[in-house]
């Protein structure tokens, strides 16, 4: 995200995302604990109560690993695009330098 939008915009997006998840998650937990008639809260408790510790670990780790893998490939795509831009820019600068050097050299020879 830093290469795509710049450092300051990426920092702001990460800041907003972090606080939305933290404040939103805690707000959702507070809301569900105050309202005992919600169907979401007991179903989540039943899911975790009826599972072994290893199953709970896998239920939490598999989505996290999938998100990590997706994040890796998205970042890799951005890095490749940025490196390609830098490589093309360096090639153009090198060609311009070589052309300029050749024209100066050829004008000195004549």
PDB file of N, CA and C in Angstrom:
ATOM      1  N   UNK A   1       0.808  -1.173   0.000  1.00  0.00           N
ATOM      2  CA  UNK A   1       0.000   0.000   0.000  1.00  0.00           C
ATOM      3  C   UNK A   1       0.867   1.258   0.000  1.00  0.00           C
ATOM      4  N   UNK A   2       2.060   1.151   0.562  1.00  0.00           N
ATOM      5  CA  UNK A   2       2.938   2.313   0.611  1.00  0.00           C
ATOM      6  C   UNK A   2       3.379   2.707  -0.795  1.00  0.00           C
ATOM      7  N   UNK A   3       3.751   1.724  -1.631  1.00  0.00           N
ATOM      8  CA  UNK A   3       4.176   2.039  -2.992  1.00  0.00           C
ATOM      9  C   UNK A   3       3.019   2.554  -3.823  1.00  0.00           C
ATOM     10  N   UNK A   4       1.837   2.040  -3.587  1.00  0.00           N
ATOM     11  CA  UNK A   4       0.679   2.402  -4.399  1.00  0.00           C
ATOM     12  C   UNK A   4       0.217   3.829  -4.108  1.00  0.00           C
ATOM     13  N   UNK A   5       0.118   4.202  -2.822  1.00  0.00           N
ATOM     14  CA  UNK A   5      -0.483   5.483  -2.462  1.00  0.00           C
ATOM     15  C   UNK A   5       0.460   6.449  -1.757  1.00  0.00           C
ATOM     16  N   UNK A   6       1.630   6.027  -1.401  1.00  0.00           N
ATOM     17  CA  UNK A   6       2.552   6.883  -0.674  1.00  0.00           C
ATOM     18  C   UNK A   6       2.514   6.589   0.810  1.00  0.00           C
ATOM     19  N   UNK A   7       3.540   7.036   1.491  1.00  0.00           N
ATOM     20  CA  UNK A   7       3.720   6.692   2.903  1.00  0.00           C
ATOM     21  C   UNK A   7       2.614   7.267   3.780  1.00  0.00           C
ATOM     22  N   UNK A   8       2.299   8.539   3.625  1.00  0.00           N
ATOM     23  CA  UNK A   8       1.332   9.188   4.517  1.00  0.00           C
ATOM     24  C   UNK A   8      -0.080   8.618   4.333  1.00  0.00           C
ATOM     25  N   UNK A   9      -0.499   8.388   3.101  1.00  0.00           N
ATOM     26  CA  UNK A   9      -1.835   7.834   2.872  1.00  0.00           C
ATOM     27  C   UNK A   9      -1.924   6.395   3.375  1.00  0.00           C
ATOM     28  N   UNK A  10      -0.879   5.626   3.197  1.00  0.00           N
ATOM     29  CA  UNK A  10      -0.880   4.248   3.684  1.00  0.00           C
ATOM     30  C   UNK A  10      -0.883   4.217   5.204  1.00  0.00           C
ATOM     31  N   UNK A  11      -0.155   5.129   5.819  1.00  0.00           N
ATOM     32  CA  UNK A  11      -0.131   5.195   7.280  1.00  0.00           C
ATOM     33  C   UNK A  11      -1.503   5.558   7.812  1.00  0.00           C
ATOM     34  N   UNK A  12      -2.183   6.492   7.176  1.00  0.00           N
ATOM     35  CA  UNK A  12      -3.518   6.898   7.608  1.00  0.00           C
ATOM     36  C   UNK A  12      -4.509   5.756   7.423  1.00  0.00           C
ATOM     37  N   UNK A  13      -4.423   5.037   6.315  1.00  0.00           N
ATOM     38  CA  UNK A  13      -5.325   3.911   6.078  1.00  0.00           C
ATOM     39  C   UNK A  13      -5.103   2.817   7.116  1.00  0.00           C
ATOM     40  N   UNK A  14      -3.865   2.523   7.444  1.00  0.00           N
ATOM     41  CA  UNK A  14      -3.575   1.524   8.468  1.00  0.00           C
ATOM     42  C   UNK A  14      -4.072   1.973   9.840  1.00  0.00           C
ATOM     43  N   UNK A  15      -3.919   3.249  10.150  1.00  0.00           N
ATOM     44  CA  UNK A  15      -4.391   3.800  11.413  1.00  0.00           C
ATOM     45  C   UNK A  15      -5.904   3.667  11.529  1.00  0.00           C
ATOM     46  N   UNK A  16      -6.622   4.036  10.483  1.00  0.00           N
ATOM     47  CA  UNK A  16      -8.086   3.942  10.485  1.00  0.00           C
ATOM     48  C   UNK A  16      -8.522   2.491  10.584  1.00  0.00           C
ATOM     49  N   UNK A  17      -7.920   1.626   9.810  1.00  0.00           N
ATOM     50  CA  UNK A  17      -8.282   0.206   9.836  1.00  0.00           C
ATOM     51  C   UNK A  17      -8.047  -0.397  11.217  1.00  0.00           C
ATOM     52  N   UNK A  18      -6.942  -0.075  11.842  1.00  0.00           N
ATOM     53  CA  UNK A  18      -6.624  -0.589  13.163  1.00  0.00           C
ATOM     54  C   UNK A  18      -7.683  -0.163  14.182  1.00  0.00           C
ATOM     55  N   UNK A  19      -8.019   1.120  14.194  1.00  0.00           N
ATOM     56  CA  UNK A  19      -8.969   1.591  15.184  1.00  0.00           C
ATOM     57  C   UNK A  19     -10.391   1.149  14.889  1.00  0.00           C
ATOM     58  N   UNK A  20     -10.752   0.987  13.627  1.00  0.00           N
ATOM     59  CA  UNK A  20     -12.080   0.458  13.307  1.00  0.00           C
ATOM     60  C   UNK A  20     -12.208  -0.971  13.817  1.00  0.00           C
ATOM     61  N   UNK A  21     -11.176  -1.764  13.632  1.00  0.00           N
ATOM     62  CA  UNK A  21     -11.224  -3.143  14.113  1.00  0.00           C
ATOM     63  C   UNK A  21     -11.241  -3.212  15.635  1.00  0.00           C
ATOM     64  N   UNK A  22     -10.419  -2.424  16.303  1.00  0.00           N
ATOM     65  CA  UNK A  22     -10.346  -2.467  17.767  1.00  0.00           C
ATOM     66  C   UNK A  22     -11.613  -1.888  18.387  1.00  0.00           C
ATOM     67  N   UNK A  23     -11.981  -0.668  17.994  1.00  0.00           N
ATOM     68  CA  UNK A  23     -13.157  -0.030  18.581  1.00  0.00           C
ATOM     69  C   UNK A  23     -14.433  -0.742  18.137  1.00  0.00           C
ATOM     70  N   UNK A  24     -14.504  -1.121  16.875  1.00  0.00           N
ATOM     71  CA  UNK A  24     -15.687  -1.831  16.388  1.00  0.00           C
ATOM     72  C   UNK A  24     -15.843  -3.196  17.033  1.00  0.00           C
ATOM     73  N   UNK A  25     -14.742  -3.906  17.204  1.00  0.00           N
ATOM     74  CA  UNK A  25     -14.799  -5.220  17.845  1.00  0.00           C
ATOM     75  C   UNK A  25     -15.220  -5.132  19.293  1.00  0.00           C
ATOM     76  N   UNK A  26     -14.643  -4.170  20.017  1.00  0.00           N
ATOM     77  CA  UNK A  26     -15.031  -4.031  21.425  1.00  0.00           C
ATOM     78  C   UNK A  26     -16.465  -3.533  21.549  1.00  0.00           C
ATOM     79  N   UNK A  27     -16.895  -2.679  20.652  1.00  0.00           N
ATOM     80  CA  UNK A  27     -18.294  -2.228  20.661  1.00  0.00           C
ATOM     81  C   UNK A  27     -19.252  -3.365  20.372  1.00  0.00           C
ATOM     82  N   UNK A  28     -18.888  -4.221  19.444  1.00  0.00           N
ATOM     83  CA  UNK A  28     -19.728  -5.377  19.127  1.00  0.00           C
ATOM     84  C   UNK A  28     -19.819  -6.335  20.304  1.00  0.00           C
ATOM     85  N   UNK A  29     -18.715  -6.541  20.993  1.00  0.00           N
ATOM     86  CA  UNK A  29     -18.720  -7.416  22.169  1.00  0.00           C
ATOM     87  C   UNK A  29     -19.563  -6.805  23.283  1.00  0.00           C
ATOM     88  N   UNK A  30     -19.419  -5.502  23.517  1.00  0.00           N
ATOM     89  CA  UNK A  30     -20.230  -4.845  24.549  1.00  0.00           C
ATOM     90  C   UNK A  30     -21.717  -4.909  24.210  1.00  0.00           C
ATOM     91  N   UNK A  31     -22.038  -4.673  22.947  1.00  0.00           N
ATOM     92  CA  UNK A  31     -23.447  -4.712  22.529  1.00  0.00           C
ATOM     93  C   UNK A  31     -24.018  -6.117  22.691  1.00  0.00           C
ATOM     94  N   UNK A  32     -23.273  -7.126  22.291  1.00  0.00           N
ATOM     95  CA  UNK A  32     -23.790  -8.489  22.382  1.00  0.00           C
ATOM     96  C   UNK A  32     -23.858  -8.973  23.828  1.00  0.00           C
ATOM     97  N   UNK A  33     -22.976  -8.462  24.710  1.00  0.00           N
ATOM     98  CA  UNK A  33     -23.050  -8.885  26.111  1.00  0.00           C
ATOM     99  C   UNK A  33     -24.206  -8.208  26.842  1.00  0.00           C
ATOM    100  N   UNK A  34     -24.577  -6.994  26.438  1.00  0.00           N
ATOM    101  CA  UNK A  34     -25.705  -6.299  27.065  1.00  0.00           C
ATOM    102  C   UNK A  34     -27.041  -6.878  26.620  1.00  0.00           C
ATOM    103  N   UNK A  35     -27.128  -7.288  25.373  1.00  0.00           N
ATOM    104  CA  UNK A  35     -28.366  -7.855  24.839  1.00  0.00           C
ATOM    105  C   UNK A  35     -28.260  -9.368  24.851  1.00  0.00           C
ATOM    106  N   UNK A  36     -28.808  -9.987  25.860  1.00  0.00           N
ATOM    107  CA  UNK A  36     -28.714 -11.434  25.985  1.00  0.00           C
ATOM    108  C   UNK A  36     -29.615 -12.164  25.003  1.00  0.00           C
ATOM    109  N   UNK A  37     -30.533 -11.451  24.390  1.00  0.00           N
ATOM    110  CA  UNK A  37     -31.451 -12.118  23.463  1.00  0.00           C
ATOM    111  C   UNK A  37     -30.897 -12.225  22.040  1.00  0.00           C
ATOM    112  N   UNK A  38     -29.703 -11.769  21.808  1.00  0.00           N
ATOM    113  CA  UNK A  38     -29.136 -11.887  20.465  1.00  0.00           C
ATOM    114  C   UNK A  38     -28.778 -13.341  20.173  1.00  0.00           C
ATOM    115  N   UNK A  39     -28.940 -13.736  18.935  1.00  0.00           N
ATOM    116  CA  UNK A  39     -28.659 -15.123  18.569  1.00  0.00           C
ATOM    117  C   UNK A  39     -27.196 -15.340  18.219  1.00  0.00           C
ATOM    118  N   UNK A  40     -26.471 -14.255  17.979  1.00  0.00           N
ATOM    119  CA  UNK A  40     -25.068 -14.397  17.596  1.00  0.00           C
ATOM    120  C   UNK A  40     -24.213 -14.884  18.767  1.00  0.00           C
ATOM    121  N   UNK A  41     -24.398 -14.300  19.915  1.00  0.00           N
ATOM    122  CA  UNK A  41     -23.563 -14.601  21.066  1.00  0.00           C
ATOM    123  C   UNK A  41     -23.668 -16.061  21.534  1.00  0.00           C
ATOM    124  N   UNK A  42     -24.854 -16.612  21.756  1.00  0.00           N
ATOM    125  CA  UNK A  42     -24.913 -18.015  22.199  1.00  0.00           C
ATOM    126  C   UNK A  42     -24.406 -19.003  21.147  1.00  0.00           C
ATOM    127  N   UNK A  43     -24.621 -18.705  19.894  1.00  0.00           N
ATOM    128  CA  UNK A  43     -24.140 -19.641  18.877  1.00  0.00           C
ATOM    129  C   UNK A  43     -22.616 -19.684  18.836  1.00  0.00           C
ATOM    130  N   UNK A  44     -21.980 -18.550  19.020  1.00  0.00           N
ATOM    131  CA  UNK A  44     -20.510 -18.527  19.049  1.00  0.00           C
ATOM    132  C   UNK A  44     -20.001 -19.286  20.269  1.00  0.00           C
ATOM    133  N   UNK A  45     -20.636 -19.075  21.395  1.00  0.00           N
ATOM    134  CA  UNK A  45     -20.226 -19.785  22.617  1.00  0.00           C
ATOM    135  C   UNK A  45     -20.410 -21.285  22.434  1.00  0.00           C
ATOM    136  N   UNK A  46     -21.520 -21.701  21.837  1.00  0.00           N
ATOM    137  CA  UNK A  46     -21.754 -23.133  21.616  1.00  0.00           C
ATOM    138  C   UNK A  46     -20.725 -23.731  20.664  1.00  0.00           C
ATOM    139  N   UNK A  47     -20.351 -22.981  19.661  1.00  0.00           N
ATOM    140  CA  UNK A  47     -19.352 -23.491  18.709  1.00  0.00           C
ATOM    141  C   UNK A  47     -18.040 -23.767  19.432  1.00  0.00           C
ATOM    142  N   UNK A  48     -17.611 -22.829  20.268  1.00  0.00           N
ATOM    143  CA  UNK A  48     -16.332 -23.005  20.953  1.00  0.00           C
ATOM    144  C   UNK A  48     -16.409 -23.986  22.120  1.00  0.00           C
ATOM    145  N   UNK A  49     -17.572 -24.115  22.744  1.00  0.00           N
ATOM    146  CA  UNK A  49     -17.710 -25.064  23.852  1.00  0.00           C
ATOM    147  C   UNK A  49     -17.710 -26.512  23.378  1.00  0.00           C
ATOM    148  N   UNK A  50     -18.204 -26.754  22.177  1.00  0.00           N
ATOM    149  CA  UNK A  50     -18.336 -28.123  21.675  1.00  0.00           C
ATOM    150  C   UNK A  50     -17.107 -28.604  20.908  1.00  0.00           C
ATOM    151  N   UNK A  51     -16.060 -27.826  20.866  1.00  0.00           N
ATOM    152  CA  UNK A  51     -14.863 -28.185  20.100  1.00  0.00           C
ATOM    153  C   UNK A  51     -13.688 -28.448  21.024  1.00  0.00           C
ATOM    154  N   UNK A  52     -12.770 -29.246  20.543  1.00  0.00           N
ATOM    155  CA  UNK A  52     -11.518 -29.481  21.269  1.00  0.00           C
ATOM    156  C   UNK A  52     -10.591 -28.286  21.048  1.00  0.00           C
ATOM    157  N   UNK A  53      -9.580 -28.194  21.887  1.00  0.00           N
ATOM    158  CA  UNK A  53      -8.643 -27.071  21.794  1.00  0.00           C
ATOM    159  C   UNK A  53      -7.927 -27.029  20.448  1.00  0.00           C
ATOM    160  N   UNK A  54      -7.584 -28.183  19.920  1.00  0.00           N
ATOM    161  CA  UNK A  54      -6.913 -28.235  18.628  1.00  0.00           C
ATOM    162  C   UNK A  54      -7.830 -27.743  17.504  1.00  0.00           C
ATOM    163  N   UNK A  55      -9.101 -28.085  17.563  1.00  0.00           N
ATOM    164  CA  UNK A  55     -10.047 -27.615  16.547  1.00  0.00           C
ATOM    165  C   UNK A  55     -10.234 -26.102  16.612  1.00  0.00           C
ATOM    166  N   UNK A  56     -10.287 -25.573  17.813  1.00  0.00           N
ATOM    167  CA  UNK A  56     -10.407 -24.119  17.966  1.00  0.00           C
ATOM    168  C   UNK A  56      -9.164 -23.429  17.416  1.00  0.00           C
ATOM    169  N   UNK A  57      -8.011 -23.990  17.711  1.00  0.00           N
ATOM    170  CA  UNK A  57      -6.763 -23.434  17.195  1.00  0.00           C
ATOM    171  C   UNK A  57      -6.763 -23.435  15.669  1.00  0.00           C
ATOM    172  N   UNK A  58      -7.172 -24.529  15.069  1.00  0.00           N
ATOM    173  CA  UNK A  58      -7.223 -24.606  13.609  1.00  0.00           C
ATOM    174  C   UNK A  58      -8.260 -23.649  13.029  1.00  0.00           C
ATOM    175  N   UNK A  59      -9.400 -23.514  13.712  1.00  0.00           N
ATOM    176  CA  UNK A  59     -10.438 -22.596  13.235  1.00  0.00           C
ATOM    177  C   UNK A  59      -9.943 -21.156  13.234  1.00  0.00           C
ATOM    178  N   UNK A  60      -9.066 -20.826  14.130  1.00  0.00           N
ATOM    179  CA  UNK A  60      -8.530 -19.467  14.193  1.00  0.00           C
ATOM    180  C   UNK A  60      -7.289 -19.286  13.328  1.00  0.00           C
ATOM    181  N   UNK A  61      -6.472 -20.309  13.222  1.00  0.00           N
ATOM    182  CA  UNK A  61      -5.208 -20.183  12.502  1.00  0.00           C
ATOM    183  C   UNK A  61      -5.356 -20.258  10.985  1.00  0.00           C
ATOM    184  N   UNK A  62      -6.272 -21.088  10.501  1.00  0.00           N
ATOM    185  CA  UNK A  62      -6.418 -21.247   9.050  1.00  0.00           C
ATOM    186  C   UNK A  62      -6.818 -19.931   8.376  1.00  0.00           C
ATOM    187  N   UNK A  63      -7.851 -19.204   8.858  1.00  0.00           N
ATOM    188  CA  UNK A  63      -8.146 -17.912   8.222  1.00  0.00           C
ATOM    189  C   UNK A  63      -7.001 -16.913   8.333  1.00  0.00           C
ATOM    190  N   UNK A  64      -6.297 -16.923   9.465  1.00  0.00           N
ATOM    191  CA  UNK A  64      -5.167 -16.010   9.615  1.00  0.00           C
ATOM    192  C   UNK A  64      -4.045 -16.329   8.626  1.00  0.00           C
ATOM    193  N   UNK A  65      -3.773 -17.599   8.426  1.00  0.00           N
ATOM    194  CA  UNK A  65      -2.747 -17.984   7.451  1.00  0.00           C
ATOM    195  C   UNK A  65      -3.167 -17.629   6.032  1.00  0.00           C
ATOM    196  N   UNK A  66      -4.451 -17.803   5.715  1.00  0.00           N
ATOM    197  CA  UNK A  66      -4.940 -17.419   4.390  1.00  0.00           C
ATOM    198  C   UNK A  66      -4.818 -15.921   4.171  1.00  0.00           C
ATOM    199  N   UNK A  67      -5.122 -15.130   5.191  1.00  0.00           N
ATOM    200  CA  UNK A  67      -4.966 -13.681   5.065  1.00  0.00           C
ATOM    201  C   UNK A  67      -3.500 -13.301   4.905  1.00  0.00           C
ATOM    202  N   UNK A  68      -2.618 -13.984   5.616  1.00  0.00           N
ATOM    203  CA  UNK A  68      -1.189 -13.722   5.496  1.00  0.00           C
ATOM    204  C   UNK A  68      -0.692 -14.040   4.091  1.00  0.00           C
ATOM    205  N   UNK A  69      -1.130 -15.148   3.532  1.00  0.00           N
ATOM    206  CA  UNK A  69      -0.717 -15.536   2.179  1.00  0.00           C
ATOM    207  C   UNK A  69      -1.243 -14.536   1.151  1.00  0.00           C
ATOM    208  N   UNK A  70      -2.500 -14.133   1.298  1.00  0.00           N
ATOM    209  CA  UNK A  70      -3.058 -13.133   0.374  1.00  0.00           C
ATOM    210  C   UNK A  70      -2.304 -11.819   0.476  1.00  0.00           C
ATOM    211  N   UNK A  71      -2.001 -11.390   1.678  1.00  0.00           N
ATOM    212  CA  UNK A  71      -1.257 -10.153   1.887  1.00  0.00           C
ATOM    213  C   UNK A  71       0.131 -10.239   1.261  1.00  0.00           C
ATOM    214  N   UNK A  72       0.777 -11.390   1.381  1.00  0.00           N
ATOM    215  CA  UNK A  72       2.094 -11.583   0.799  1.00  0.00           C
ATOM    216  C   UNK A  72       2.049 -11.414  -0.718  1.00  0.00           C
ATOM    217  N   UNK A  73       1.069 -12.047  -1.364  1.00  0.00           N
ATOM    218  CA  UNK A  73       1.013 -11.970  -2.823  1.00  0.00           C
ATOM    219  C   UNK A  73       0.593 -10.585  -3.314  1.00  0.00           C
ATOM    220  N   UNK A  74      -0.250  -9.904  -2.569  1.00  0.00           N
ATOM    221  CA  UNK A  74      -0.607  -8.532  -2.941  1.00  0.00           C
ATOM    222  C   UNK A  74       0.622  -7.634  -2.820  1.00  0.00           C
ATOM    223  N   UNK A  75       1.364  -7.769  -1.734  1.00  0.00           N
ATOM    224  CA  UNK A  75       2.583  -6.972  -1.556  1.00  0.00           C
ATOM    225  C   UNK A  75       3.619  -7.298  -2.624  1.00  0.00           C
ATOM    226  N   UNK A  76       3.744  -8.562  -2.948  1.00  0.00           N
ATOM    227  CA  UNK A  76       4.687  -8.979  -3.980  1.00  0.00           C
ATOM    228  C   UNK A  76       4.336  -8.346  -5.327  1.00  0.00           C
ATOM    229  N   UNK A  77       3.053  -8.270  -5.631  1.00  0.00           N
ATOM    230  CA  UNK A  77       2.611  -7.631  -6.874  1.00  0.00           C
ATOM    231  C   UNK A  77       3.004  -6.163  -6.894  1.00  0.00           C
ATOM    232  N   UNK A  78       2.772  -5.453  -5.781  1.00  0.00           N
ATOM    233  CA  UNK A  78       3.144  -4.040  -5.715  1.00  0.00           C
ATOM    234  C   UNK A  78       4.653  -3.856  -5.836  1.00  0.00           C
ATOM    235  N   UNK A  79       5.430  -4.697  -5.160  1.00  0.00           N
ATOM    236  CA  UNK A  79       6.892  -4.581  -5.228  1.00  0.00           C
ATOM    237  C   UNK A  79       7.399  -4.840  -6.639  1.00  0.00           C
ATOM    238  N   UNK A  80       6.829  -5.823  -7.313  1.00  0.00           N
ATOM    239  CA  UNK A  80       7.268  -6.113  -8.680  1.00  0.00           C
ATOM    240  C   UNK A  80       6.967  -4.942  -9.602  1.00  0.00           C
ATOM    241  N   UNK A  81       5.787  -4.343  -9.466  1.00  0.00           N
ATOM    242  CA  UNK A  81       5.441  -3.191 -10.304  1.00  0.00           C
ATOM    243  C   UNK A  81       6.373  -2.021 -10.028  1.00  0.00           C
ATOM    244  N   UNK A  82       6.668  -1.784  -8.753  1.00  0.00           N
ATOM    245  CA  UNK A  82       7.543  -0.670  -8.400  1.00  0.00           C
ATOM    246  C   UNK A  82       8.965  -0.917  -8.897  1.00  0.00           C
ATOM    247  N   UNK A  83       9.457  -2.133  -8.739  1.00  0.00           N
ATOM    248  CA  UNK A  83      10.797  -2.451  -9.236  1.00  0.00           C
ATOM    249  C   UNK A  83      10.871  -2.352 -10.742  1.00  0.00           C
ATOM    250  N   UNK A  84       9.799  -2.722 -11.431  1.00  0.00           N
ATOM    251  CA  UNK A  84       9.771  -2.609 -12.885  1.00  0.00           C
ATOM    252  C   UNK A  84       9.823  -1.144 -13.305  1.00  0.00           C
ATOM    253  N   UNK A  85       9.114  -0.275 -12.587  1.00  0.00           N
ATOM    254  CA  UNK A  85       9.160   1.157 -12.892  1.00  0.00           C
ATOM    255  C   UNK A  85      10.573   1.699 -12.689  1.00  0.00           C
ATOM    256  N   UNK A  86      11.204   1.312 -11.586  1.00  0.00           N
ATOM    257  CA  UNK A  86      12.562   1.786 -11.303  1.00  0.00           C
ATOM    258  C   UNK A  86      13.538   1.265 -12.348  1.00  0.00           C
ATOM    259  N   UNK A  87      13.380  -0.003 -12.733  1.00  0.00           N
ATOM    260  CA  UNK A  87      14.258  -0.591 -13.736  1.00  0.00           C
ATOM    261  C   UNK A  87      14.108   0.134 -15.077  1.00  0.00           C
ATOM    262  N   UNK A  88      12.866   0.391 -15.488  1.00  0.00           N
ATOM    263  CA  UNK A  88      12.639   1.092 -16.756  1.00  0.00           C
ATOM    264  C   UNK A  88      13.218   2.495 -16.706  1.00  0.00           C
ATOM    265  N   UNK A  89      13.039   3.181 -15.573  1.00  0.00           N
ATOM    266  CA  UNK A  89      13.580   4.526 -15.434  1.00  0.00           C
ATOM    267  C   UNK A  89      15.098   4.504 -15.526  1.00  0.00           C
ATOM    268  N   UNK A  90      15.735   3.543 -14.871  1.00  0.00           N
ATOM    269  CA  UNK A  90      17.193   3.443 -14.934  1.00  0.00           C
ATOM    270  C   UNK A  90      17.668   3.122 -16.345  1.00  0.00           C
ATOM    271  N   UNK A  91      16.931   2.260 -17.049  1.00  0.00           N
ATOM    272  CA  UNK A  91      17.315   1.932 -18.428  1.00  0.00           C
ATOM    273  C   UNK A  91      17.215   3.149 -19.332  1.00  0.00           C
ATOM    274  N   UNK A  92      16.153   3.932 -19.172  1.00  0.00           N
ATOM    275  CA  UNK A  92      15.989   5.133 -19.988  1.00  0.00           C
ATOM    276  C   UNK A  92      17.099   6.132 -19.681  1.00  0.00           C
ATOM    277  N   UNK A  93      17.410   6.315 -18.410  1.00  0.00           N
ATOM    278  CA  UNK A  93      18.489   7.236 -18.035  1.00  0.00           C
ATOM    279  C   UNK A  93      19.838   6.759 -18.575  1.00  0.00           C
ATOM    280  N   UNK A  94      20.067   5.447 -18.512  1.00  0.00           N
ATOM    281  CA  UNK A  94      21.332   4.914 -19.009  1.00  0.00           C
ATOM    282  C   UNK A  94      21.429   5.084 -20.532  1.00  0.00           C
ATOM    283  N   UNK A  95      20.323   4.836 -21.241  1.00  0.00           N
ATOM    284  CA  UNK A  95      20.331   5.023 -22.691  1.00  0.00           C
ATOM    285  C   UNK A  95      20.562   6.483 -23.052  1.00  0.00           C
ATOM    286  N   UNK A  96      19.936   7.390 -22.308  1.00  0.00           N
ATOM    287  CA  UNK A  96      20.138   8.813 -22.582  1.00  0.00           C
ATOM    288  C   UNK A  96      21.584   9.204 -22.328  1.00  0.00           C
ATOM    289  N   UNK A  97      22.174   8.688 -21.274  1.00  0.00           N
ATOM    290  CA  UNK A  97      23.569   8.987 -20.968  1.00  0.00           C
ATOM    291  C   UNK A  97      24.488   8.431 -22.051  1.00  0.00           C
ATOM    292  N   UNK A  98      24.250   7.194 -22.473  1.00  0.00           N
ATOM    293  CA  UNK A  98      25.084   6.600 -23.514  1.00  0.00           C
ATOM    294  C   UNK A  98      24.947   7.355 -24.835  1.00  0.00           C
ATOM    295  N   UNK A  99      23.697   7.755 -25.170  1.00  0.00           N
ATOM    296  CA  UNK A  99      23.487   8.510 -26.411  1.00  0.00           C
ATOM    297  C   UNK A  99      24.200   9.846 -26.341  1.00  0.00           C
ATOM    298  N   UNK A 100      24.095  10.523 -25.196  1.00  0.00           N
ATOM    299  CA  UNK A 100      24.758  11.814 -25.035  1.00  0.00           C
ATOM    300  C   UNK A 100      26.280  11.634 -25.105  1.00  0.00           C
ATOM    301  N   UNK A 101      26.801  10.598 -24.468  1.00  0.00           N
ATOM    302  CA  UNK A 101      28.241  10.355 -24.498  1.00  0.00           C
ATOM    303  C   UNK A 101      28.707  10.059 -25.921  1.00  0.00           C
ATOM    304  N   UNK A 102      27.915   9.284 -26.665  1.00  0.00           N
ATOM    305  CA  UNK A 102      28.271   8.959 -28.036  1.00  0.00           C
ATOM    306  C   UNK A 102      28.272  10.206 -28.911  1.00  0.00           C
ATOM    307  N   UNK A 103      27.262  11.073 -28.754  1.00  0.00           N
ATOM    308  CA  UNK A 103      27.207  12.267 -29.587  1.00  0.00           C
ATOM    309  C   UNK A 103      28.346  13.215 -29.234  1.00  0.00           C
ATOM    310  N   UNK A 104      28.703  13.341 -27.962  1.00  0.00           N
ATOM    311  CA  UNK A 104      29.829  14.203 -27.573  1.00  0.00           C
ATOM    312  C   UNK A 104      31.130  13.620 -28.135  1.00  0.00           C
ATOM    313  N   UNK A 105      31.312  12.302 -28.020  1.00  0.00           N
ATOM    314  CA  UNK A 105      32.509  11.651 -28.513  1.00  0.00           C
ATOM    315  C   UNK A 105      32.618  11.788 -30.034  1.00  0.00           C
ATOM    316  N   UNK A 106      31.507  11.574 -30.718  1.00  0.00           N
ATOM    317  CA  UNK A 106      31.560  11.643 -32.177  1.00  0.00           C
ATOM    318  C   UNK A 106      31.799  13.083 -32.641  1.00  0.00           C
ATOM    319  N   UNK A 107      31.295  14.074 -31.900  1.00  0.00           N
ATOM    320  CA  UNK A 107      31.530  15.468 -32.292  1.00  0.00           C
ATOM    321  C   UNK A 107      32.994  15.856 -32.017  1.00  0.00           C
ATOM    322  N   UNK A 108      33.601  15.260 -31.014  1.00  0.00           N
ATOM    323  CA  UNK A 108      35.010  15.542 -30.737  1.00  0.00           C
ATOM    324  C   UNK A 108      35.919  14.897 -31.774  1.00  0.00           C
ATOM    325  N   UNK A 109      35.510  13.757 -32.294  1.00  0.00           N
ATOM    326  CA  UNK A 109      36.329  13.060 -33.291  1.00  0.00           C
ATOM    327  C   UNK A 109      36.352  13.820 -34.610  1.00  0.00           C
ATOM    328  N   UNK A 110      35.293  14.507 -34.936  1.00  0.00           N
ATOM    329  CA  UNK A 110      35.258  15.167 -36.237  1.00  0.00           C
ATOM    330  C   UNK A 110      35.900  16.526 -36.257  1.00  0.00           C
TER     331      UNK A 110
END
